[in-house]
Amino acid sequence: MYILLPMDSDEVQEASLTKLEDVKIWAQMLVEEGQLVEITHSSDKDSFEKLSECVVVANDNEYIWPFMEKNMMVLVAHTQRSIDDIVEAYLFKELHDLAY
């Protein structure tokens, strides 16, 4: 599954999930069979070669309708900020559905 993340930096080890209004770079990660396969970065969320199937946001108050219009699943990482923490939370189903 291709998962889209709004990040504050393209440095994988230092980057943190950020609000959609504060995004500096987008990270797209491919998770297959319980493993993180690859991470790519782009300044434009629509310029990735593969379409993202899911977006992870930092809180329930994000403006997510552009993603909903593309039929993307929206998950919320209330406490997870690093890519490693988000991958782990995704694999263990600890990311939350959006509370409307």
PDB file of N, CA and C in Angstrom:
ATOM      1  N   MET A   1       0.845  -1.172   0.000  1.00  0.00           N
ATOM      2  CA  MET A   1       0.000   0.000   0.000  1.00  0.00           C
ATOM      3  C   MET A   1       0.893   1.239   0.000  1.00  0.00           C
ATOM      4  N   TYR A   2       0.532   2.203  -0.826  1.00  0.00           N
ATOM      5  CA  TYR A   2       1.242   3.480  -0.864  1.00  0.00           C
ATOM      6  C   TYR A   2       0.561   4.447   0.098  1.00  0.00           C
ATOM      7  N   ILE A   3       1.337   4.961   1.036  1.00  0.00           N
ATOM      8  CA  ILE A   3       0.815   5.831   2.092  1.00  0.00           C
ATOM      9  C   ILE A   3       1.486   7.189   1.993  1.00  0.00           C
ATOM     10  N   LEU A   4       0.697   8.246   1.993  1.00  0.00           N
ATOM     11  CA  LEU A   4       1.174   9.613   1.854  1.00  0.00           C
ATOM     12  C   LEU A   4       1.274  10.277   3.223  1.00  0.00           C
ATOM     13  N   LEU A   5       2.404  10.953   3.467  1.00  0.00           N
ATOM     14  CA  LEU A   5       2.644  11.610   4.754  1.00  0.00           C
ATOM     15  C   LEU A   5       3.071  13.057   4.546  1.00  0.00           C
ATOM     16  N   PRO A   6       2.425  14.010   5.206  1.00  0.00           N
ATOM     17  CA  PRO A   6       2.901  15.395   5.178  1.00  0.00           C
ATOM     18  C   PRO A   6       4.022  15.557   6.209  1.00  0.00           C
ATOM     19  N   MET A   7       5.207  15.928   5.756  1.00  0.00           N
ATOM     20  CA  MET A   7       6.370  15.971   6.638  1.00  0.00           C
ATOM     21  C   MET A   7       6.960  17.380   6.711  1.00  0.00           C
ATOM     22  N   ASP A   8       7.755  17.603   7.762  1.00  0.00           N
ATOM     23  CA  ASP A   8       8.388  18.905   7.939  1.00  0.00           C
ATOM     24  C   ASP A   8       9.819  18.945   7.402  1.00  0.00           C
ATOM     25  N   SER A   9      10.321  17.811   6.866  1.00  0.00           N
ATOM     26  CA  SER A   9      11.691  17.746   6.354  1.00  0.00           C
ATOM     27  C   SER A   9      11.840  16.507   5.476  1.00  0.00           C
ATOM     28  N   ASP A  10      12.793  16.539   4.525  1.00  0.00           N
ATOM     29  CA  ASP A  10      13.036  15.348   3.707  1.00  0.00           C
ATOM     30  C   ASP A  10      14.141  14.471   4.286  1.00  0.00           C
ATOM     31  N   GLU A  11      14.667  14.831   5.449  1.00  0.00           N
ATOM     32  CA  GLU A  11      15.635  13.995   6.162  1.00  0.00           C
ATOM     33  C   GLU A  11      14.860  12.894   6.894  1.00  0.00           C
ATOM     34  N   VAL A  12      14.973  11.672   6.404  1.00  0.00           N
ATOM     35  CA  VAL A  12      14.151  10.573   6.912  1.00  0.00           C
ATOM     36  C   VAL A  12      14.292  10.393   8.422  1.00  0.00           C
ATOM     37  N   GLN A  13      15.496  10.462   8.941  1.00  0.00           N
ATOM     38  CA  GLN A  13      15.724  10.227  10.367  1.00  0.00           C
ATOM     39  C   GLN A  13      15.213  11.372  11.246  1.00  0.00           C
ATOM     40  N   GLU A  14      15.131  12.578  10.688  1.00  0.00           N
ATOM     41  CA  GLU A  14      14.745  13.748  11.485  1.00  0.00           C
ATOM     42  C   GLU A  14      13.335  14.240  11.200  1.00  0.00           C
ATOM     43  N   ALA A  15      12.733  13.804  10.109  1.00  0.00           N
ATOM     44  CA  ALA A  15      11.435  14.323   9.690  1.00  0.00           C
ATOM     45  C   ALA A  15      10.335  13.925  10.661  1.00  0.00           C
ATOM     46  N   SER A  16       9.371  14.824  10.798  1.00  0.00           N
ATOM     47  CA  SER A  16       8.210  14.574  11.652  1.00  0.00           C
ATOM     48  C   SER A  16       6.936  14.847  10.873  1.00  0.00           C
ATOM     49  N   LEU A  17       5.907  14.089  11.196  1.00  0.00           N
ATOM     50  CA  LEU A  17       4.588  14.329  10.627  1.00  0.00           C
ATOM     51  C   LEU A  17       4.140  15.715  11.060  1.00  0.00           C
ATOM     52  N   THR A  18       3.568  16.473  10.145  1.00  0.00           N
ATOM     53  CA  THR A  18       3.147  17.832  10.454  1.00  0.00           C
ATOM     54  C   THR A  18       1.729  18.062   9.949  1.00  0.00           C
ATOM     55  N   LYS A  19       1.142  19.169  10.333  1.00  0.00           N
ATOM     56  CA  LYS A  19      -0.189  19.528   9.858  1.00  0.00           C
ATOM     57  C   LYS A  19      -0.139  19.781   8.356  1.00  0.00           C
ATOM     58  N   LEU A  20      -1.256  19.562   7.688  1.00  0.00           N
ATOM     59  CA  LEU A  20      -1.319  19.766   6.245  1.00  0.00           C
ATOM     60  C   LEU A  20      -0.991  21.202   5.866  1.00  0.00           C
ATOM     61  N   GLU A  21      -1.363  22.142   6.691  1.00  0.00           N
ATOM     62  CA  GLU A  21      -1.092  23.550   6.380  1.00  0.00           C
ATOM     63  C   GLU A  21       0.378  23.924   6.568  1.00  0.00           C
ATOM     64  N   ASP A  22       1.150  23.085   7.252  1.00  0.00           N
ATOM     65  CA  ASP A  22       2.565  23.368   7.516  1.00  0.00           C
ATOM     66  C   ASP A  22       3.519  22.463   6.745  1.00  0.00           C
ATOM     67  N   VAL A  23       3.002  21.661   5.814  1.00  0.00           N
ATOM     68  CA  VAL A  23       3.835  20.675   5.122  1.00  0.00           C
ATOM     69  C   VAL A  23       4.945  21.349   4.307  1.00  0.00           C
ATOM     70  N   LYS A  24       6.154  20.802   4.430  1.00  0.00           N
ATOM     71  CA  LYS A  24       7.290  21.278   3.645  1.00  0.00           C
ATOM     72  C   LYS A  24       7.602  20.302   2.518  1.00  0.00           C
ATOM     73  N   ILE A  25       7.379  19.026   2.773  1.00  0.00           N
ATOM     74  CA  ILE A  25       7.631  17.991   1.772  1.00  0.00           C
ATOM     75  C   ILE A  25       6.702  16.814   2.038  1.00  0.00           C
ATOM     76  N   TRP A  26       6.333  16.124   0.978  1.00  0.00           N
ATOM     77  CA  TRP A  26       5.479  14.950   1.093  1.00  0.00           C
ATOM     78  C   TRP A  26       6.333  13.703   0.995  1.00  0.00           C
ATOM     79  N   ALA A  27       6.057  12.742   1.837  1.00  0.00           N
ATOM     80  CA  ALA A  27       6.728  11.443   1.777  1.00  0.00           C
ATOM     81  C   ALA A  27       5.684  10.408   1.377  1.00  0.00           C
ATOM     82  N   GLN A  28       6.069   9.543   0.463  1.00  0.00           N
ATOM     83  CA  GLN A  28       5.201   8.433   0.088  1.00  0.00           C
ATOM     84  C   GLN A  28       5.944   7.157   0.443  1.00  0.00           C
ATOM     85  N   MET A  29       5.343   6.353   1.286  1.00  0.00           N
ATOM     86  CA  MET A  29       6.001   5.109   1.664  1.00  0.00           C
ATOM     87  C   MET A  29       5.201   3.929   1.145  1.00  0.00           C
ATOM     88  N   LEU A  30       5.931   2.923   0.728  1.00  0.00           N
ATOM     89  CA  LEU A  30       5.327   1.687   0.254  1.00  0.00           C
ATOM     90  C   LEU A  30       5.503   0.638   1.337  1.00  0.00           C
ATOM     91  N   VAL A  31       4.383   0.123   1.827  1.00  0.00           N
ATOM     92  CA  VAL A  31       4.393  -0.930   2.844  1.00  0.00           C
ATOM     93  C   VAL A  31       3.782  -2.176   2.212  1.00  0.00           C
ATOM     94  N   GLU A  32       4.564  -3.257   2.191  1.00  0.00           N
ATOM     95  CA  GLU A  32       4.098  -4.531   1.646  1.00  0.00           C
ATOM     96  C   GLU A  32       4.470  -5.662   2.589  1.00  0.00           C
ATOM     97  N   GLU A  33       3.532  -6.547   2.838  1.00  0.00           N
ATOM     98  CA  GLU A  33       3.755  -7.731   3.659  1.00  0.00           C
ATOM     99  C   GLU A  33       4.419  -7.399   4.996  1.00  0.00           C
ATOM    100  N   GLY A  34       3.953  -6.338   5.623  1.00  0.00           N
ATOM    101  CA  GLY A  34       4.460  -5.969   6.937  1.00  0.00           C
ATOM    102  C   GLY A  34       5.833  -5.336   6.938  1.00  0.00           C
ATOM    103  N   GLN A  35       6.308  -4.902   5.778  1.00  0.00           N
ATOM    104  CA  GLN A  35       7.641  -4.305   5.675  1.00  0.00           C
ATOM    105  C   GLN A  35       7.565  -2.960   4.966  1.00  0.00           C
ATOM    106  N   LEU A  36       8.377  -2.018   5.417  1.00  0.00           N
ATOM    107  CA  LEU A  36       8.556  -0.759   4.709  1.00  0.00           C
ATOM    108  C   LEU A  36       9.506  -1.036   3.555  1.00  0.00           C
ATOM    109  N   VAL A  37       9.029  -0.907   2.326  1.00  0.00           N
ATOM    110  CA  VAL A  37       9.811  -1.250   1.145  1.00  0.00           C
ATOM    111  C   VAL A  37      10.604  -0.054   0.642  1.00  0.00           C
ATOM    112  N   GLU A  38       9.946   1.111   0.535  1.00  0.00           N
ATOM    113  CA  GLU A  38      10.640   2.299   0.047  1.00  0.00           C
ATOM    114  C   GLU A  38       9.943   3.562   0.526  1.00  0.00           C
ATOM    115  N   ILE A  39      10.718   4.645   0.524  1.00  0.00           N
ATOM    116  CA  ILE A  39      10.186   5.969   0.833  1.00  0.00           C
ATOM    117  C   ILE A  39      10.675   6.911  -0.254  1.00  0.00           C
ATOM    118  N   THR A  40       9.749   7.663  -0.848  1.00  0.00           N
ATOM    119  CA  THR A  40      10.116   8.689  -1.821  1.00  0.00           C
ATOM    120  C   THR A  40       9.580  10.023  -1.323  1.00  0.00           C
ATOM    121  N   HIS A  41      10.188  11.108  -1.804  1.00  0.00           N
ATOM    122  CA  HIS A  41       9.811  12.452  -1.376  1.00  0.00           C
ATOM    123  C   HIS A  41       9.468  13.314  -2.582  1.00  0.00           C
ATOM    124  N   SER A  42       8.588  14.281  -2.370  1.00  0.00           N
ATOM    125  CA  SER A  42       8.233  15.236  -3.412  1.00  0.00           C
ATOM    126  C   SER A  42       7.673  16.490  -2.756  1.00  0.00           C
ATOM    127  N   SER A  43       7.882  17.618  -3.413  1.00  0.00           N
ATOM    128  CA  SER A  43       7.310  18.861  -2.888  1.00  0.00           C
ATOM    129  C   SER A  43       5.828  18.982  -3.247  1.00  0.00           C
ATOM    130  N   ASP A  44       5.369  18.176  -4.211  1.00  0.00           N
ATOM    131  CA  ASP A  44       3.971  18.190  -4.648  1.00  0.00           C
ATOM    132  C   ASP A  44       3.349  16.817  -4.397  1.00  0.00           C
ATOM    133  N   LYS A  45       2.270  16.793  -3.666  1.00  0.00           N
ATOM    134  CA  LYS A  45       1.647  15.508  -3.306  1.00  0.00           C
ATOM    135  C   LYS A  45       1.099  14.749  -4.507  1.00  0.00           C
ATOM    136  N   ASP A  46       0.884  15.433  -5.624  1.00  0.00           N
ATOM    137  CA  ASP A  46       0.319  14.793  -6.806  1.00  0.00           C
ATOM    138  C   ASP A  46       1.368  14.366  -7.830  1.00  0.00           C
ATOM    139  N   SER A  47       2.645  14.528  -7.531  1.00  0.00           N
ATOM    140  CA  SER A  47       3.674  14.236  -8.532  1.00  0.00           C
ATOM    141  C   SER A  47       4.346  12.873  -8.359  1.00  0.00           C
ATOM    142  N   PHE A  48       3.859  12.054  -7.450  1.00  0.00           N
ATOM    143  CA  PHE A  48       4.435  10.724  -7.283  1.00  0.00           C
ATOM    144  C   PHE A  48       4.050   9.836  -8.463  1.00  0.00           C
ATOM    145  N   GLU A  49       4.943   8.922  -8.807  1.00  0.00           N
ATOM    146  CA  GLU A  49       4.707   8.015  -9.930  1.00  0.00           C
ATOM    147  C   GLU A  49       3.506   7.111  -9.672  1.00  0.00           C
ATOM    148  N   LYS A  50       3.382   6.606  -8.463  1.00  0.00           N
ATOM    149  CA  LYS A  50       2.265   5.734  -8.081  1.00  0.00           C
ATOM    150  C   LYS A  50       1.258   6.532  -7.259  1.00  0.00           C
ATOM    151  N   LEU A  51      -0.010   6.225  -7.420  1.00  0.00           N
ATOM    152  CA  LEU A  51      -1.047   6.898  -6.648  1.00  0.00           C
ATOM    153  C   LEU A  51      -1.049   6.393  -5.210  1.00  0.00           C
ATOM    154  N   SER A  52      -1.192   7.313  -4.283  1.00  0.00           N
ATOM    155  CA  SER A  52      -1.283   6.940  -2.872  1.00  0.00           C
ATOM    156  C   SER A  52      -2.694   6.434  -2.581  1.00  0.00           C
ATOM    157  N   GLU A  53      -2.777   5.417  -1.745  1.00  0.00           N
ATOM    158  CA  GLU A  53      -4.069   4.840  -1.387  1.00  0.00           C
ATOM    159  C   GLU A  53      -4.567   5.353  -0.042  1.00  0.00           C
ATOM    160  N   CYS A  54      -3.663   5.959   0.720  1.00  0.00           N
ATOM    161  CA  CYS A  54      -3.970   6.372   2.084  1.00  0.00           C
ATOM    162  C   CYS A  54      -3.147   7.611   2.412  1.00  0.00           C
ATOM    163  N   VAL A  55      -3.688   8.472   3.245  1.00  0.00           N
ATOM    164  CA  VAL A  55      -2.934   9.608   3.769  1.00  0.00           C
ATOM    165  C   VAL A  55      -3.025   9.559   5.291  1.00  0.00           C
ATOM    166  N   VAL A  56      -1.926   9.875   5.950  1.00  0.00           N
ATOM    167  CA  VAL A  56      -1.899   9.929   7.409  1.00  0.00           C
ATOM    168  C   VAL A  56      -1.784  11.391   7.808  1.00  0.00           C
ATOM    169  N   VAL A  57      -2.693  11.853   8.652  1.00  0.00           N
ATOM    170  CA  VAL A  57      -2.681  13.241   9.112  1.00  0.00           C
ATOM    171  C   VAL A  57      -2.414  13.286  10.615  1.00  0.00           C
ATOM    172  N   ALA A  58      -2.070  14.475  11.103  1.00  0.00           N
ATOM    173  CA  ALA A  58      -1.643  14.626  12.490  1.00  0.00           C
ATOM    174  C   ALA A  58      -2.799  14.729  13.485  1.00  0.00           C
ATOM    175  N   ASN A  59      -3.965  15.200  13.029  1.00  0.00           N
ATOM    176  CA  ASN A  59      -5.093  15.302  13.958  1.00  0.00           C
ATOM    177  C   ASN A  59      -6.420  15.272  13.207  1.00  0.00           C
ATOM    178  N   ASP A  60      -7.501  15.220  13.946  1.00  0.00           N
ATOM    179  CA  ASP A  60      -8.839  15.109  13.362  1.00  0.00           C
ATOM    180  C   ASP A  60      -9.334  16.401  12.724  1.00  0.00           C
ATOM    181  N   ASN A  61      -8.662  17.513  12.953  1.00  0.00           N
ATOM    182  CA  ASN A  61      -9.130  18.807  12.468  1.00  0.00           C
ATOM    183  C   ASN A  61      -8.509  19.230  11.145  1.00  0.00           C
ATOM    184  N   GLU A  62      -7.817  18.337  10.477  1.00  0.00           N
ATOM    185  CA  GLU A  62      -7.186  18.654   9.197  1.00  0.00           C
ATOM    186  C   GLU A  62      -8.251  18.774   8.097  1.00  0.00           C
ATOM    187  N   TYR A  63      -7.940  19.582   7.084  1.00  0.00           N
ATOM    188  CA  TYR A  63      -8.827  19.709   5.926  1.00  0.00           C
ATOM    189  C   TYR A  63      -8.481  18.588   4.946  1.00  0.00           C
ATOM    190  N   ILE A  64      -9.270  17.529   4.947  1.00  0.00           N
ATOM    191  CA  ILE A  64      -8.921  16.311   4.219  1.00  0.00           C
ATOM    192  C   ILE A  64      -9.789  16.069   2.981  1.00  0.00           C
ATOM    193  N   TRP A  65     -10.678  16.991   2.639  1.00  0.00           N
ATOM    194  CA  TRP A  65     -11.606  16.733   1.535  1.00  0.00           C
ATOM    195  C   TRP A  65     -10.922  16.492   0.193  1.00  0.00           C
ATOM    196  N   PRO A  66      -9.798  17.141  -0.121  1.00  0.00           N
ATOM    197  CA  PRO A  66      -9.131  16.803  -1.392  1.00  0.00           C
ATOM    198  C   PRO A  66      -8.736  15.322  -1.462  1.00  0.00           C
ATOM    199  N   PHE A  67      -8.404  14.729  -0.326  1.00  0.00           N
ATOM    200  CA  PHE A  67      -8.042  13.311  -0.293  1.00  0.00           C
ATOM    201  C   PHE A  67      -9.287  12.432  -0.370  1.00  0.00           C
ATOM    202  N   MET A  68     -10.347  12.855   0.285  1.00  0.00           N
ATOM    203  CA  MET A  68     -11.605  12.104   0.242  1.00  0.00           C
ATOM    204  C   MET A  68     -12.158  12.076  -1.185  1.00  0.00           C
ATOM    205  N   GLU A  69     -12.008  13.188  -1.917  1.00  0.00           N
ATOM    206  CA  GLU A  69     -12.478  13.246  -3.299  1.00  0.00           C
ATOM    207  C   GLU A  69     -11.733  12.260  -4.190  1.00  0.00           C
ATOM    208  N   LYS A  70     -10.513  11.914  -3.809  1.00  0.00           N
ATOM    209  CA  LYS A  70      -9.717  10.938  -4.562  1.00  0.00           C
ATOM    210  C   LYS A  70      -9.917   9.520  -4.024  1.00  0.00           C
ATOM    211  N   ASN A  71     -10.903   9.366  -3.141  1.00  0.00           N
ATOM    212  CA  ASN A  71     -11.217   8.065  -2.525  1.00  0.00           C
ATOM    213  C   ASN A  71     -10.040   7.476  -1.758  1.00  0.00           C
ATOM    214  N   MET A  72      -9.255   8.336  -1.137  1.00  0.00           N
ATOM    215  CA  MET A  72      -8.138   7.872  -0.318  1.00  0.00           C
ATOM    216  C   MET A  72      -8.613   7.636   1.106  1.00  0.00           C
ATOM    217  N   MET A  73      -8.094   6.595   1.716  1.00  0.00           N
ATOM    218  CA  MET A  73      -8.358   6.343   3.120  1.00  0.00           C
ATOM    219  C   MET A  73      -7.585   7.394   3.930  1.00  0.00           C
ATOM    220  N   VAL A  74      -8.199   7.934   4.962  1.00  0.00           N
ATOM    221  CA  VAL A  74      -7.546   8.917   5.825  1.00  0.00           C
ATOM    222  C   VAL A  74      -7.390   8.310   7.210  1.00  0.00           C
ATOM    223  N   LEU A  75      -6.154   8.259   7.693  1.00  0.00           N
ATOM    224  CA  LEU A  75      -5.861   7.766   9.035  1.00  0.00           C
ATOM    225  C   LEU A  75      -5.219   8.883   9.840  1.00  0.00           C
ATOM    226  N   VAL A  76      -5.415   8.844  11.148  1.00  0.00           N
ATOM    227  CA  VAL A  76      -4.896   9.886  12.035  1.00  0.00           C
ATOM    228  C   VAL A  76      -3.858   9.289  12.971  1.00  0.00           C
ATOM    229  N   ALA A  77      -2.703   9.945  13.021  1.00  0.00           N
ATOM    230  CA  ALA A  77      -1.634   9.561  13.953  1.00  0.00           C
ATOM    231  C   ALA A  77      -1.627  10.607  15.062  1.00  0.00           C
ATOM    232  N   HIS A  78      -2.369  10.344  16.123  1.00  0.00           N
ATOM    233  CA  HIS A  78      -2.495  11.324  17.200  1.00  0.00           C
ATOM    234  C   HIS A  78      -1.184  11.551  17.942  1.00  0.00           C
ATOM    235  N   THR A  79      -0.409  10.510  18.140  1.00  0.00           N
ATOM    236  CA  THR A  79       0.830  10.650  18.920  1.00  0.00           C
ATOM    237  C   THR A  79       2.078  10.323  18.119  1.00  0.00           C
ATOM    238  N   GLN A  80       1.954   9.581  17.048  1.00  0.00           N
ATOM    239  CA  GLN A  80       3.118   9.177  16.268  1.00  0.00           C
ATOM    240  C   GLN A  80       3.553  10.323  15.354  1.00  0.00           C
ATOM    241  N   ARG A  81       4.858  10.593  15.310  1.00  0.00           N
ATOM    242  CA  ARG A  81       5.359  11.670  14.460  1.00  0.00           C
ATOM    243  C   ARG A  81       6.466  11.214  13.519  1.00  0.00           C
ATOM    244  N   SER A  82       7.306  10.280  13.932  1.00  0.00           N
ATOM    245  CA  SER A  82       8.401   9.836  13.063  1.00  0.00           C
ATOM    246  C   SER A  82       7.891   8.779  12.080  1.00  0.00           C
ATOM    247  N   ILE A  83       8.597   8.627  10.974  1.00  0.00           N
ATOM    248  CA  ILE A  83       8.210   7.632   9.977  1.00  0.00           C
ATOM    249  C   ILE A  83       8.214   6.235  10.587  1.00  0.00           C
ATOM    250  N   ASP A  84       9.231   5.923  11.380  1.00  0.00           N
ATOM    251  CA  ASP A  84       9.295   4.598  12.020  1.00  0.00           C
ATOM    252  C   ASP A  84       8.082   4.345  12.910  1.00  0.00           C
ATOM    253  N   ASP A  85       7.708   5.348  13.708  1.00  0.00           N
ATOM    254  CA  ASP A  85       6.548   5.195  14.594  1.00  0.00           C
ATOM    255  C   ASP A  85       5.251   5.039  13.799  1.00  0.00           C
ATOM    256  N   ILE A  86       5.142   5.771  12.690  1.00  0.00           N
ATOM    257  CA  ILE A  86       3.933   5.691  11.867  1.00  0.00           C
ATOM    258  C   ILE A  86       3.832   4.325  11.197  1.00  0.00           C
ATOM    259  N   VAL A  87       4.949   3.818  10.681  1.00  0.00           N
ATOM    260  CA  VAL A  87       4.948   2.481  10.066  1.00  0.00           C
ATOM    261  C   VAL A  87       4.544   1.435  11.097  1.00  0.00           C
ATOM    262  N   GLU A  88       5.139   1.502  12.275  1.00  0.00           N
ATOM    263  CA  GLU A  88       4.809   0.543  13.334  1.00  0.00           C
ATOM    264  C   GLU A  88       3.335   0.631  13.714  1.00  0.00           C
ATOM    265  N   ALA A  89       2.829   1.859  13.866  1.00  0.00           N
ATOM    266  CA  ALA A  89       1.421   2.038  14.223  1.00  0.00           C
ATOM    267  C   ALA A  89       0.506   1.531  13.112  1.00  0.00           C
ATOM    268  N   TYR A  90       0.895   1.731  11.867  1.00  0.00           N
ATOM    269  CA  TYR A  90       0.095   1.225  10.745  1.00  0.00           C
ATOM    270  C   TYR A  90       0.050  -0.305  10.770  1.00  0.00           C
ATOM    271  N   LEU A  91       1.197  -0.916  10.950  1.00  0.00           N
ATOM    272  CA  LEU A  91       1.265  -2.379  10.941  1.00  0.00           C
ATOM    273  C   LEU A  91       0.470  -3.004  12.085  1.00  0.00           C
ATOM    274  N   PHE A  92       0.462  -2.339  13.243  1.00  0.00           N
ATOM    275  CA  PHE A  92      -0.265  -2.864  14.401  1.00  0.00           C
ATOM    276  C   PHE A  92      -1.665  -2.268  14.536  1.00  0.00           C
ATOM    277  N   LYS A  93      -2.108  -1.610  13.471  1.00  0.00           N
ATOM    278  CA  LYS A  93      -3.454  -1.032  13.407  1.00  0.00           C
ATOM    279  C   LYS A  93      -3.732  -0.076  14.566  1.00  0.00           C
ATOM    280  N   GLU A  94      -2.733   0.754  14.880  1.00  0.00           N
ATOM    281  CA  GLU A  94      -2.871   1.724  15.959  1.00  0.00           C
ATOM    282  C   GLU A  94      -3.172   3.130  15.450  1.00  0.00           C
ATOM    283  N   LEU A  95      -3.242   3.307  14.135  1.00  0.00           N
ATOM    284  CA  LEU A  95      -3.668   4.592  13.582  1.00  0.00           C
ATOM    285  C   LEU A  95      -5.189   4.610  13.597  1.00  0.00           C
ATOM    286  N   HIS A  96      -5.764   5.777  13.781  1.00  0.00           N
ATOM    287  CA  HIS A  96      -7.208   5.887  13.961  1.00  0.00           C
ATOM    288  C   HIS A  96      -7.896   6.375  12.697  1.00  0.00           C
ATOM    289  N   ASP A  97      -9.151   5.961  12.539  1.00  0.00           N
ATOM    290  CA  ASP A  97      -9.981   6.537  11.490  1.00  0.00           C
ATOM    291  C   ASP A  97     -10.297   7.967  11.885  1.00  0.00           C
ATOM    292  N   LEU A  98     -10.603   8.764  10.904  1.00  0.00           N
ATOM    293  CA  LEU A  98     -10.928  10.163  11.145  1.00  0.00           C
ATOM    294  C   LEU A  98     -12.236  10.273  11.918  1.00  0.00           C
ATOM    295  N   ALA A  99     -12.254  11.089  12.960  1.00  0.00           N
ATOM    296  CA  ALA A  99     -13.479  11.352  13.719  1.00  0.00           C
ATOM    297  C   ALA A  99     -14.115  12.602  13.137  1.00  0.00           C
ATOM    298  N   TYR A 100     -15.282  12.448  12.529  1.00  0.00           N
ATOM    299  CA  TYR A 100     -15.910  13.577  11.836  1.00  0.00           C
ATOM    300  C   TYR A 100     -16.503  14.547  12.787  1.00  0.00           C
TER     301      TYR A 100
END
